[in-house]
Amino acid sequence: MNRAYNEKTVVVPKTENNDRQKASRNLEYLAKLDRSFEQMERGEVITKSFNELEEMSR
C-alpha cells in the first residue's frame, strides 16, 4: 500500500503504546513543575494557608 508523502507505518503492542503515552504525559507534567519552581524562585507566586483557601471556597 502506498501512503501519501512516503509516510511509514509502525505497529507496536498496545501496552508499549500506552507506556509511551504515559511517558509523554509525565514529561509534560514535569515541564509544568519546572515552570512552577522557576516562578516560585522569581517570587511570582501567591501564598495561601489552608484556612485561607477554605475561606475562599465558601
N, C-alpha and C. Protein backbone atom coordinates (compact mmCIF):
# COMPACT_ATOMS: atom_id res chain seq x y z
N MET A 1 0.85 -1.17 0.00
CA MET A 1 0.00 0.00 0.00
C MET A 1 0.90 1.24 0.00
N ASN A 2 0.62 2.18 -0.84
CA ASN A 2 1.34 3.44 -0.88
C ASN A 2 0.66 4.45 0.03
N ARG A 3 1.46 5.17 0.78
CA ARG A 3 0.92 6.19 1.67
C ARG A 3 1.39 7.55 1.17
N ALA A 4 0.55 8.54 1.39
CA ALA A 4 0.88 9.89 0.95
C ALA A 4 2.17 10.37 1.60
N TYR A 5 2.98 11.08 0.86
CA TYR A 5 4.20 11.69 1.35
C TYR A 5 5.19 10.67 1.91
N ASN A 6 5.15 9.44 1.44
CA ASN A 6 6.08 8.39 1.88
C ASN A 6 6.05 8.17 3.39
N GLU A 7 4.89 8.34 4.01
CA GLU A 7 4.77 8.10 5.44
C GLU A 7 4.95 6.62 5.73
N LYS A 8 5.56 6.34 6.85
CA LYS A 8 5.78 4.96 7.27
C LYS A 8 4.77 4.60 8.35
N THR A 9 4.44 3.35 8.42
CA THR A 9 3.54 2.84 9.45
C THR A 9 4.33 1.88 10.33
N VAL A 10 4.13 2.04 11.64
CA VAL A 10 4.81 1.17 12.60
C VAL A 10 3.74 0.54 13.47
N VAL A 11 3.84 -0.75 13.66
CA VAL A 11 2.91 -1.46 14.52
C VAL A 11 3.63 -1.82 15.81
N VAL A 12 3.05 -1.40 16.94
CA VAL A 12 3.64 -1.70 18.24
C VAL A 12 2.55 -2.28 19.13
N PRO A 13 2.92 -3.08 20.11
CA PRO A 13 1.93 -3.61 21.04
C PRO A 13 1.22 -2.47 21.78
N LYS A 14 -0.04 -2.70 22.10
CA LYS A 14 -0.84 -1.67 22.77
C LYS A 14 -0.20 -1.25 24.09
N THR A 15 0.34 -2.19 24.84
CA THR A 15 0.96 -1.84 26.12
C THR A 15 2.16 -0.91 25.93
N GLU A 16 2.93 -1.14 24.88
CA GLU A 16 4.07 -0.27 24.60
C GLU A 16 3.59 1.13 24.22
N ASN A 17 2.54 1.19 23.43
CA ASN A 17 1.98 2.48 23.04
C ASN A 17 1.45 3.22 24.27
N ASN A 18 0.79 2.49 25.16
CA ASN A 18 0.28 3.11 26.38
C ASN A 18 1.42 3.64 27.24
N ASP A 19 2.51 2.87 27.32
CA ASP A 19 3.68 3.30 28.09
C ASP A 19 4.27 4.57 27.49
N ARG A 20 4.32 4.65 26.18
CA ARG A 20 4.86 5.85 25.53
C ARG A 20 3.97 7.06 25.79
N GLN A 21 2.66 6.87 25.74
CA GLN A 21 1.74 7.96 26.01
C GLN A 21 1.88 8.43 27.46
N LYS A 22 2.01 7.48 28.38
CA LYS A 22 2.19 7.82 29.80
C LYS A 22 3.48 8.59 30.00
N ALA A 23 4.55 8.15 29.37
CA ALA A 23 5.84 8.84 29.48
C ALA A 23 5.74 10.26 28.94
N SER A 24 5.01 10.43 27.84
CA SER A 24 4.84 11.76 27.26
C SER A 24 4.07 12.68 28.21
N ARG A 25 3.02 12.14 28.83
CA ARG A 25 2.25 12.93 29.81
C ARG A 25 3.11 13.28 31.01
N ASN A 26 3.94 12.33 31.44
CA ASN A 26 4.84 12.59 32.58
C ASN A 26 5.83 13.70 32.25
N LEU A 27 6.36 13.70 31.02
CA LEU A 27 7.29 14.76 30.62
C LEU A 27 6.61 16.12 30.62
N GLU A 28 5.36 16.16 30.14
CA GLU A 28 4.60 17.41 30.14
C GLU A 28 4.38 17.90 31.57
N TYR A 29 4.04 16.97 32.47
CA TYR A 29 3.81 17.32 33.87
C TYR A 29 5.10 17.83 34.51
N LEU A 30 6.21 17.16 34.25
CA LEU A 30 7.49 17.60 34.82
C LEU A 30 7.88 18.98 34.30
N ALA A 31 7.59 19.25 33.04
CA ALA A 31 7.89 20.58 32.48
C ALA A 31 7.05 21.65 33.19
N LYS A 32 5.78 21.33 33.49
CA LYS A 32 4.93 22.28 34.22
C LYS A 32 5.48 22.52 35.62
N LEU A 33 5.95 21.45 36.27
CA LEU A 33 6.54 21.60 37.60
C LEU A 33 7.79 22.49 37.53
N ASP A 34 8.62 22.28 36.52
CA ASP A 34 9.82 23.11 36.36
C ASP A 34 9.45 24.58 36.22
N ARG A 35 8.44 24.86 35.39
CA ARG A 35 8.00 26.25 35.22
C ARG A 35 7.48 26.82 36.53
N SER A 36 6.77 26.00 37.30
CA SER A 36 6.24 26.46 38.58
C SER A 36 7.35 26.77 39.56
N PHE A 37 8.37 25.92 39.62
CA PHE A 37 9.50 26.17 40.51
C PHE A 37 10.25 27.44 40.09
N GLU A 38 10.38 27.65 38.80
CA GLU A 38 11.04 28.88 38.32
C GLU A 38 10.24 30.11 38.73
N GLN A 39 8.91 30.03 38.61
CA GLN A 39 8.06 31.15 39.03
C GLN A 39 8.20 31.39 40.53
N MET A 40 8.27 30.32 41.30
CA MET A 40 8.42 30.44 42.74
C MET A 40 9.74 31.10 43.09
N GLU A 41 10.81 30.71 42.41
CA GLU A 41 12.13 31.30 42.67
C GLU A 41 12.16 32.78 42.33
N ARG A 42 11.38 33.19 41.34
CA ARG A 42 11.32 34.61 40.95
C ARG A 42 10.33 35.39 41.80
N GLY A 43 9.65 34.71 42.72
CA GLY A 43 8.68 35.39 43.59
C GLY A 43 7.36 35.68 42.90
N GLU A 44 7.04 34.94 41.87
CA GLU A 44 5.82 35.17 41.10
C GLU A 44 4.68 34.25 41.56
N VAL A 45 4.58 34.07 42.87
CA VAL A 45 3.54 33.19 43.42
C VAL A 45 2.77 33.92 44.51
N ILE A 46 1.59 33.43 44.79
CA ILE A 46 0.79 33.93 45.91
C ILE A 46 0.67 32.78 46.90
N THR A 47 1.00 33.05 48.15
CA THR A 47 0.96 32.02 49.18
C THR A 47 -0.32 32.15 49.99
N LYS A 48 -1.01 31.04 50.17
CA LYS A 48 -2.24 31.00 50.97
C LYS A 48 -2.14 29.84 51.95
N SER A 49 -2.65 30.05 53.16
CA SER A 49 -2.71 28.97 54.13
C SER A 49 -3.93 28.10 53.79
N PHE A 50 -3.98 26.93 54.39
CA PHE A 50 -5.11 26.05 54.17
C PHE A 50 -6.40 26.72 54.61
N ASN A 51 -6.36 27.42 55.75
CA ASN A 51 -7.55 28.12 56.23
C ASN A 51 -8.01 29.20 55.26
N GLU A 52 -7.07 29.93 54.69
CA GLU A 52 -7.43 30.96 53.70
C GLU A 52 -8.08 30.32 52.48
N LEU A 53 -7.56 29.19 52.05
CA LEU A 53 -8.16 28.50 50.91
C LEU A 53 -9.57 28.01 51.22
N GLU A 54 -9.77 27.52 52.44
CA GLU A 54 -11.11 27.10 52.84
C GLU A 54 -12.08 28.27 52.83
N GLU A 55 -11.64 29.41 53.32
CA GLU A 55 -12.48 30.61 53.34
C GLU A 55 -12.85 31.03 51.91
N MET A 56 -11.92 30.91 51.00
CA MET A 56 -12.16 31.30 49.61
C MET A 56 -13.19 30.38 48.94
N SER A 57 -13.28 29.14 49.39
CA SER A 57 -14.18 28.19 48.73
C SER A 57 -15.63 28.33 49.21
N ARG A 58 -15.87 29.15 50.21
CA ARG A 58 -17.24 29.31 50.74
C ARG A 58 -18.01 30.32 49.97
